């Protein structure tokens, strides 16, 4: 397989479409393209194509997760469920969730406290209802219980 083109996206110059044998192969970050040494005319072996596809899947999963988090805070379990529904593999999902947690964008304990406080402040949910709603969001029993007690 030969790399026949690299085209930056006009609306996001950090993203690059990689073409192989005249067909779109994957979308990567400009950084990934540089790290992998991709260039027009490069003969790509199976290992390189596999790595391109893995990084493209990571990019897609990360972008999907960030879009979900932009709307509202979510738990790790909620993001996992959503990404699984979108067809991402478990290893890709795990890597993205770990990256987001490492960057501070995903924090189940903080989410539990904030959501429990929100429910308690509204005054329409008692401790059992708050606990149940936290558990529905995929939070562990101990974390849900602790957040409910704080609220």
N, C-alpha and C. Protein backbone atom coordinates (compact mmCIF):
# COMPACT_ATOMS: atom_id res chain seq x y z
N UNK A 1 0.85 -1.17 0.00
CA UNK A 1 0.00 0.00 0.00
C UNK A 1 0.90 1.24 0.00
N UNK A 2 0.58 2.18 -0.85
CA UNK A 2 1.39 3.38 -0.96
C UNK A 2 0.59 4.61 -0.49
N UNK A 3 1.25 5.47 0.28
CA UNK A 3 0.64 6.73 0.72
C UNK A 3 0.63 7.65 -0.51
N UNK A 4 -0.56 8.02 -0.95
CA UNK A 4 -0.68 8.83 -2.17
C UNK A 4 -1.06 10.28 -1.89
N UNK A 5 -1.39 10.59 -0.64
CA UNK A 5 -1.72 11.98 -0.34
C UNK A 5 -1.88 12.24 1.14
N UNK A 6 -1.60 13.47 1.52
CA UNK A 6 -1.80 13.96 2.89
C UNK A 6 -2.44 15.33 2.73
N UNK A 7 -3.67 15.47 3.18
CA UNK A 7 -4.38 16.75 3.02
C UNK A 7 -4.90 17.24 4.35
N UNK A 8 -4.47 18.44 4.72
CA UNK A 8 -4.99 19.05 5.95
C UNK A 8 -6.45 19.42 5.76
N UNK A 9 -7.21 19.29 6.84
CA UNK A 9 -8.61 19.71 6.78
C UNK A 9 -8.67 21.22 6.78
N UNK A 10 -9.47 21.81 5.90
CA UNK A 10 -9.52 23.28 5.84
C UNK A 10 -10.05 23.93 7.11
N UNK A 11 -10.98 23.27 7.79
CA UNK A 11 -11.57 23.86 9.00
C UNK A 11 -10.78 23.57 10.27
N UNK A 12 -9.81 22.65 10.19
CA UNK A 12 -8.97 22.33 11.35
C UNK A 12 -7.61 21.88 10.83
N UNK A 13 -6.68 22.81 10.79
CA UNK A 13 -5.37 22.55 10.19
C UNK A 13 -4.54 21.53 10.98
N UNK A 14 -4.98 21.17 12.17
CA UNK A 14 -4.26 20.17 12.96
C UNK A 14 -4.63 18.74 12.55
N UNK A 15 -5.67 18.59 11.73
CA UNK A 15 -6.11 17.26 11.29
C UNK A 15 -5.74 17.05 9.83
N UNK A 16 -5.30 15.83 9.53
CA UNK A 16 -4.82 15.50 8.19
C UNK A 16 -5.50 14.23 7.70
N UNK A 17 -6.03 14.27 6.49
CA UNK A 17 -6.54 13.05 5.86
C UNK A 17 -5.37 12.35 5.19
N UNK A 18 -5.25 11.06 5.45
CA UNK A 18 -4.20 10.25 4.84
C UNK A 18 -4.86 9.42 3.74
N UNK A 19 -4.29 9.51 2.54
CA UNK A 19 -4.79 8.74 1.40
C UNK A 19 -3.79 7.64 1.07
N UNK A 20 -4.30 6.46 0.81
CA UNK A 20 -3.46 5.33 0.40
C UNK A 20 -4.05 4.75 -0.88
N UNK A 21 -3.22 4.56 -1.87
CA UNK A 21 -3.66 4.04 -3.16
C UNK A 21 -4.85 4.83 -3.71
N UNK A 22 -4.83 6.15 -3.49
CA UNK A 22 -5.84 7.03 -4.04
C UNK A 22 -7.14 7.10 -3.24
N UNK A 23 -7.25 6.35 -2.15
CA UNK A 23 -8.47 6.31 -1.33
C UNK A 23 -8.18 6.88 0.06
N UNK A 24 -9.22 7.50 0.67
CA UNK A 24 -9.06 7.95 2.06
C UNK A 24 -8.80 6.73 2.94
N UNK A 25 -7.75 6.80 3.72
CA UNK A 25 -7.42 5.71 4.63
C UNK A 25 -7.82 6.06 6.05
N UNK A 26 -7.41 7.25 6.51
CA UNK A 26 -7.64 7.60 7.91
C UNK A 26 -7.46 9.10 8.10
N UNK A 27 -7.94 9.58 9.26
CA UNK A 27 -7.71 10.96 9.67
C UNK A 27 -6.83 10.93 10.90
N UNK A 28 -5.76 11.70 10.87
CA UNK A 28 -4.79 11.74 11.96
C UNK A 28 -4.50 13.20 12.34
N UNK A 29 -3.85 13.36 13.47
CA UNK A 29 -3.35 14.68 13.81
C UNK A 29 -2.06 14.92 13.03
N UNK A 30 -1.73 16.18 12.82
CA UNK A 30 -0.49 16.52 12.14
C UNK A 30 0.70 15.95 12.91
N UNK A 31 0.59 15.93 14.23
CA UNK A 31 1.65 15.38 15.07
C UNK A 31 1.84 13.88 14.80
N UNK A 32 0.73 13.15 14.67
CA UNK A 32 0.82 11.72 14.36
C UNK A 32 1.47 11.49 13.00
N UNK A 33 1.11 12.30 12.02
CA UNK A 33 1.68 12.16 10.68
C UNK A 33 3.19 12.33 10.75
N UNK A 34 3.62 13.33 11.52
CA UNK A 34 5.06 13.58 11.66
C UNK A 34 5.75 12.44 12.40
N UNK A 35 5.16 12.01 13.52
CA UNK A 35 5.75 10.92 14.31
C UNK A 35 5.90 9.64 13.50
N UNK A 36 4.91 9.34 12.67
CA UNK A 36 4.94 8.12 11.87
C UNK A 36 5.79 8.27 10.60
N UNK A 37 6.20 9.49 10.31
CA UNK A 37 7.03 9.72 9.12
C UNK A 37 6.27 9.53 7.82
N UNK A 38 4.98 9.83 7.84
CA UNK A 38 4.17 9.64 6.63
C UNK A 38 4.48 10.74 5.62
N UNK A 39 4.58 10.34 4.37
CA UNK A 39 4.80 11.27 3.28
C UNK A 39 4.30 10.64 1.98
N UNK A 40 4.02 11.47 1.00
CA UNK A 40 3.58 10.96 -0.31
C UNK A 40 4.65 10.06 -0.89
N UNK A 41 4.21 8.94 -1.44
CA UNK A 41 5.14 8.01 -2.07
C UNK A 41 5.69 6.95 -1.13
N UNK A 42 5.39 7.06 0.16
CA UNK A 42 5.89 6.08 1.13
C UNK A 42 5.16 4.76 0.95
N UNK A 43 5.91 3.69 0.86
CA UNK A 43 5.33 2.35 0.79
C UNK A 43 5.04 1.92 2.23
N UNK A 44 3.77 1.75 2.55
CA UNK A 44 3.36 1.44 3.93
C UNK A 44 3.19 -0.06 4.09
N UNK A 45 3.93 -0.61 5.05
CA UNK A 45 3.77 -2.04 5.34
C UNK A 45 2.58 -2.26 6.26
N UNK A 46 2.27 -3.50 6.54
CA UNK A 46 1.09 -3.84 7.34
C UNK A 46 1.16 -3.24 8.74
N UNK A 47 2.35 -3.23 9.34
CA UNK A 47 2.51 -2.69 10.69
C UNK A 47 2.22 -1.19 10.72
N UNK A 48 2.70 -0.47 9.70
CA UNK A 48 2.46 0.98 9.65
C UNK A 48 0.98 1.27 9.43
N UNK A 49 0.34 0.54 8.54
CA UNK A 49 -1.09 0.75 8.28
C UNK A 49 -1.89 0.46 9.54
N UNK A 50 -1.51 -0.58 10.26
CA UNK A 50 -2.19 -0.93 11.51
C UNK A 50 -2.05 0.19 12.54
N UNK A 51 -0.86 0.77 12.64
CA UNK A 51 -0.64 1.87 13.59
C UNK A 51 -1.40 3.12 13.17
N UNK A 52 -1.47 3.39 11.88
CA UNK A 52 -2.25 4.51 11.37
C UNK A 52 -3.72 4.33 11.75
N UNK A 53 -4.23 3.14 11.56
CA UNK A 53 -5.64 2.87 11.87
C UNK A 53 -5.90 2.97 13.38
N UNK A 54 -4.96 2.50 14.20
CA UNK A 54 -5.11 2.58 15.66
C UNK A 54 -5.15 4.03 16.10
N UNK A 55 -4.23 4.84 15.59
CA UNK A 55 -4.20 6.25 15.97
C UNK A 55 -5.43 7.01 15.46
N UNK A 56 -5.92 6.62 14.31
CA UNK A 56 -7.13 7.24 13.77
C UNK A 56 -8.33 6.90 14.66
N UNK A 57 -8.41 5.67 15.11
CA UNK A 57 -9.50 5.26 16.02
C UNK A 57 -9.40 6.00 17.34
N UNK A 58 -8.18 6.17 17.87
CA UNK A 58 -7.99 6.93 19.10
C UNK A 58 -8.46 8.37 18.93
N UNK A 59 -8.10 8.97 17.81
CA UNK A 59 -8.52 10.34 17.54
C UNK A 59 -10.04 10.44 17.48
N UNK A 60 -10.67 9.52 16.77
CA UNK A 60 -12.12 9.54 16.66
C UNK A 60 -12.81 9.36 18.00
N UNK A 61 -12.31 8.42 18.80
CA UNK A 61 -12.90 8.17 20.12
C UNK A 61 -12.69 9.36 21.05
N UNK A 62 -11.50 9.95 21.00
CA UNK A 62 -11.21 11.11 21.85
C UNK A 62 -12.10 12.29 21.47
N UNK A 63 -12.28 12.53 20.18
CA UNK A 63 -13.13 13.63 19.72
C UNK A 63 -14.58 13.39 20.14
N UNK A 64 -15.06 12.15 20.02
CA UNK A 64 -16.43 11.81 20.43
C UNK A 64 -16.61 12.03 21.93
N UNK A 65 -15.63 11.60 22.72
CA UNK A 65 -15.70 11.74 24.17
C UNK A 65 -15.69 13.22 24.58
N UNK A 66 -14.85 14.00 23.95
CA UNK A 66 -14.76 15.43 24.27
C UNK A 66 -16.07 16.13 23.92
N UNK A 67 -16.68 15.75 22.80
CA UNK A 67 -17.99 16.34 22.44
C UNK A 67 -19.03 16.03 23.52
N UNK A 68 -19.02 14.79 24.01
CA UNK A 68 -19.96 14.42 25.06
C UNK A 68 -19.69 15.20 26.35
N UNK A 69 -18.42 15.34 26.71
CA UNK A 69 -18.06 16.06 27.92
C UNK A 69 -18.32 17.56 27.80
N UNK A 70 -18.34 18.07 26.59
CA UNK A 70 -18.61 19.50 26.39
C UNK A 70 -20.05 19.84 26.75
N UNK A 71 -20.93 18.87 26.61
CA UNK A 71 -22.34 19.11 26.91
C UNK A 71 -22.60 19.08 28.42
N UNK A 72 -21.99 18.09 29.09
CA UNK A 72 -22.13 17.99 30.55
C UNK A 72 -21.09 17.02 31.08
N UNK A 73 -20.84 17.11 32.36
CA UNK A 73 -19.92 16.19 33.02
C UNK A 73 -20.50 14.77 32.94
N UNK A 74 -19.64 13.80 32.75
CA UNK A 74 -20.08 12.41 32.65
C UNK A 74 -19.14 11.52 33.44
N UNK A 75 -19.67 10.35 33.78
CA UNK A 75 -18.83 9.37 34.48
C UNK A 75 -18.07 8.55 33.45
N UNK A 76 -17.07 7.87 33.95
CA UNK A 76 -16.28 6.97 33.12
C UNK A 76 -17.19 5.91 32.48
N UNK A 77 -18.12 5.37 33.27
CA UNK A 77 -19.03 4.33 32.78
C UNK A 77 -19.94 4.88 31.69
N UNK A 78 -20.42 6.10 31.85
CA UNK A 78 -21.29 6.70 30.83
C UNK A 78 -20.53 6.89 29.52
N UNK A 79 -19.30 7.40 29.62
CA UNK A 79 -18.50 7.58 28.41
C UNK A 79 -18.19 6.24 27.75
N UNK A 80 -17.84 5.25 28.57
CA UNK A 80 -17.55 3.91 28.03
C UNK A 80 -18.75 3.38 27.25
N UNK A 81 -19.94 3.50 27.84
CA UNK A 81 -21.17 3.04 27.18
C UNK A 81 -21.39 3.76 25.86
N UNK A 82 -21.25 5.07 25.87
CA UNK A 82 -21.47 5.87 24.66
C UNK A 82 -20.47 5.51 23.56
N UNK A 83 -19.21 5.39 23.93
CA UNK A 83 -18.18 5.07 22.94
C UNK A 83 -18.36 3.65 22.40
N UNK A 84 -18.77 2.74 23.27
CA UNK A 84 -19.04 1.36 22.85
C UNK A 84 -20.18 1.34 21.84
N UNK A 85 -21.22 2.12 22.11
CA UNK A 85 -22.37 2.22 21.20
C UNK A 85 -21.94 2.76 19.84
N UNK A 86 -20.95 3.65 19.84
CA UNK A 86 -20.46 4.23 18.59
C UNK A 86 -19.54 3.27 17.83
N UNK A 87 -19.25 2.11 18.43
CA UNK A 87 -18.50 1.08 17.73
C UNK A 87 -17.00 1.04 17.98
N UNK A 88 -16.52 1.78 18.98
CA UNK A 88 -15.09 1.76 19.27
C UNK A 88 -14.73 0.50 20.06
N UNK A 89 -13.53 0.00 19.82
CA UNK A 89 -13.04 -1.19 20.52
C UNK A 89 -12.71 -0.85 21.97
N UNK A 90 -12.77 -1.86 22.83
CA UNK A 90 -12.55 -1.67 24.26
C UNK A 90 -11.15 -1.12 24.55
N UNK A 91 -10.13 -1.59 23.84
CA UNK A 91 -8.76 -1.10 24.11
C UNK A 91 -8.64 0.38 23.76
N UNK A 92 -9.30 0.80 22.69
CA UNK A 92 -9.30 2.22 22.29
C UNK A 92 -10.04 3.03 23.34
N UNK A 93 -11.19 2.54 23.77
CA UNK A 93 -11.99 3.24 24.78
C UNK A 93 -11.19 3.41 26.07
N UNK A 94 -10.56 2.34 26.53
CA UNK A 94 -9.78 2.38 27.77
C UNK A 94 -8.65 3.40 27.67
N UNK A 95 -7.96 3.41 26.55
CA UNK A 95 -6.85 4.36 26.36
C UNK A 95 -7.35 5.80 26.40
N UNK A 96 -8.46 6.07 25.70
CA UNK A 96 -9.02 7.44 25.67
C UNK A 96 -9.48 7.86 27.06
N UNK A 97 -10.16 6.98 27.78
CA UNK A 97 -10.63 7.32 29.12
C UNK A 97 -9.46 7.61 30.05
N UNK A 98 -8.39 6.81 29.94
CA UNK A 98 -7.19 7.05 30.76
C UNK A 98 -6.56 8.39 30.41
N UNK A 99 -6.50 8.73 29.11
CA UNK A 99 -5.94 10.01 28.68
C UNK A 99 -6.76 11.18 29.24
N UNK A 100 -8.07 11.08 29.12
CA UNK A 100 -8.94 12.16 29.61
C UNK A 100 -8.84 12.31 31.12
N UNK A 101 -8.74 11.20 31.82
CA UNK A 101 -8.58 11.25 33.27
C UNK A 101 -7.24 11.89 33.63
N UNK A 102 -6.19 11.52 32.90
CA UNK A 102 -4.86 12.09 33.14
C UNK A 102 -4.80 13.59 32.90
N UNK A 103 -5.62 14.07 31.97
CA UNK A 103 -5.66 15.51 31.67
C UNK A 103 -6.60 16.26 32.60
N UNK A 104 -7.32 15.52 33.47
CA UNK A 104 -8.23 16.17 34.41
C UNK A 104 -9.62 16.44 33.87
N UNK A 105 -9.94 15.88 32.69
CA UNK A 105 -11.27 16.10 32.10
C UNK A 105 -12.29 15.09 32.56
N UNK A 106 -11.85 14.06 33.25
CA UNK A 106 -12.74 12.99 33.68
C UNK A 106 -12.41 12.66 35.12
N UNK A 107 -13.38 12.91 36.02
CA UNK A 107 -13.16 12.68 37.44
C UNK A 107 -14.48 12.21 38.05
N UNK A 108 -14.59 10.90 38.26
CA UNK A 108 -15.85 10.34 38.76
C UNK A 108 -16.20 10.86 40.15
N UNK A 109 -15.22 11.00 41.02
CA UNK A 109 -15.50 11.46 42.38
C UNK A 109 -16.06 12.89 42.38
N UNK A 110 -15.44 13.75 41.58
CA UNK A 110 -15.91 15.14 41.49
C UNK A 110 -17.30 15.19 40.85
N UNK A 111 -17.50 14.39 39.83
CA UNK A 111 -18.82 14.32 39.18
C UNK A 111 -19.88 13.88 40.18
N UNK A 112 -19.56 12.87 40.96
CA UNK A 112 -20.52 12.34 41.94
C UNK A 112 -20.90 13.42 42.96
N UNK A 113 -19.89 14.13 43.48
CA UNK A 113 -20.17 15.19 44.46
C UNK A 113 -21.02 16.30 43.86
N UNK A 114 -20.66 16.74 42.66
CA UNK A 114 -21.38 17.85 42.04
C UNK A 114 -22.82 17.46 41.69
N UNK A 115 -22.99 16.26 41.15
CA UNK A 115 -24.34 15.83 40.77
C UNK A 115 -25.21 15.61 42.00
N UNK A 116 -24.64 15.01 43.04
CA UNK A 116 -25.40 14.79 44.28
C UNK A 116 -25.80 16.12 44.89
N UNK A 117 -24.89 17.08 44.91
CA UNK A 117 -25.20 18.41 45.45
C UNK A 117 -26.29 19.09 44.63
N UNK A 118 -26.21 18.94 43.32
CA UNK A 118 -27.24 19.52 42.44
C UNK A 118 -28.61 18.92 42.75
N UNK A 119 -28.67 17.62 42.88
CA UNK A 119 -29.95 16.96 43.18
C UNK A 119 -30.47 17.38 44.55
N UNK A 120 -29.59 17.46 45.54
CA UNK A 120 -29.99 17.84 46.89
C UNK A 120 -30.47 19.30 46.93
N UNK A 121 -29.78 20.17 46.20
CA UNK A 121 -30.15 21.58 46.17
C UNK A 121 -31.52 21.80 45.54
N UNK A 122 -31.87 20.98 44.59
CA UNK A 122 -33.19 21.10 43.97
C UNK A 122 -34.29 20.72 44.96
N UNK A 123 -33.95 19.93 45.97
CA UNK A 123 -34.90 19.59 47.02
C UNK A 123 -35.96 18.58 46.65
N UNK A 124 -35.82 17.96 45.50
CA UNK A 124 -36.83 17.00 45.06
C UNK A 124 -36.37 15.55 45.20
N UNK A 125 -35.17 15.36 45.69
CA UNK A 125 -34.64 14.00 45.79
C UNK A 125 -34.07 13.79 47.19
N UNK A 126 -34.49 12.71 47.81
CA UNK A 126 -33.95 12.33 49.11
C UNK A 126 -32.68 11.51 48.92
N UNK A 127 -32.07 11.11 50.02
CA UNK A 127 -30.82 10.36 49.95
C UNK A 127 -30.89 9.09 49.11
N UNK A 128 -31.98 8.33 49.24
CA UNK A 128 -32.08 7.10 48.45
C UNK A 128 -32.18 7.39 46.95
N UNK A 129 -32.92 8.41 46.59
CA UNK A 129 -33.05 8.77 45.17
C UNK A 129 -31.72 9.27 44.61
N UNK A 130 -31.01 10.07 45.38
CA UNK A 130 -29.71 10.58 44.95
C UNK A 130 -28.75 9.41 44.74
N UNK A 131 -28.71 8.51 45.72
CA UNK A 131 -27.84 7.34 45.63
C UNK A 131 -28.18 6.51 44.38
N UNK A 132 -29.48 6.30 44.15
CA UNK A 132 -29.91 5.50 43.00
C UNK A 132 -29.51 6.16 41.68
N UNK A 133 -29.65 7.48 41.61
CA UNK A 133 -29.29 8.18 40.37
C UNK A 133 -27.78 8.13 40.12
N UNK A 134 -27.01 8.22 41.18
CA UNK A 134 -25.55 8.10 41.03
C UNK A 134 -25.16 6.70 40.56
N UNK A 135 -25.82 5.70 41.10
CA UNK A 135 -25.54 4.32 40.69
C UNK A 135 -25.95 4.09 39.23
N UNK A 136 -27.04 4.73 38.80
CA UNK A 136 -27.47 4.61 37.40
C UNK A 136 -26.42 5.17 36.45
N UNK A 137 -25.69 6.14 36.92
CA UNK A 137 -24.63 6.74 36.10
C UNK A 137 -23.35 5.90 36.10
N UNK A 138 -23.40 4.75 36.77
CA UNK A 138 -22.27 3.84 36.73
C UNK A 138 -21.22 4.06 37.79
N UNK A 139 -21.55 4.83 38.81
CA UNK A 139 -20.59 5.09 39.88
C UNK A 139 -20.57 3.93 40.86
N UNK A 140 -19.39 3.61 41.40
CA UNK A 140 -19.31 2.53 42.39
C UNK A 140 -20.13 2.87 43.64
N UNK A 141 -20.59 1.83 44.33
CA UNK A 141 -21.45 2.00 45.50
C UNK A 141 -20.82 2.90 46.56
N UNK A 142 -19.55 2.69 46.86
CA UNK A 142 -18.87 3.49 47.88
C UNK A 142 -18.81 4.96 47.52
N UNK A 143 -18.50 5.24 46.28
CA UNK A 143 -18.41 6.63 45.82
C UNK A 143 -19.79 7.28 45.83
N UNK A 144 -20.81 6.55 45.40
CA UNK A 144 -22.18 7.07 45.41
C UNK A 144 -22.66 7.35 46.82
N UNK A 145 -22.33 6.44 47.72
CA UNK A 145 -22.73 6.60 49.11
C UNK A 145 -22.05 7.81 49.75
N UNK A 146 -20.78 7.96 49.50
CA UNK A 146 -20.01 9.07 50.06
C UNK A 146 -20.54 10.42 49.53
N UNK A 147 -20.81 10.48 48.23
CA UNK A 147 -21.31 11.72 47.63
C UNK A 147 -22.71 12.03 48.16
N UNK A 148 -23.51 11.01 48.36
CA UNK A 148 -24.87 11.21 48.89
C UNK A 148 -24.81 11.75 50.30
N UNK A 149 -23.92 11.21 51.12
CA UNK A 149 -23.78 11.69 52.51
C UNK A 149 -23.31 13.14 52.53
N UNK A 150 -22.38 13.51 51.66
CA UNK A 150 -21.89 14.89 51.60
C UNK A 150 -23.00 15.86 51.21
N UNK A 151 -23.84 15.42 50.30
CA UNK A 151 -24.92 16.30 49.80
C UNK A 151 -25.98 16.47 50.86
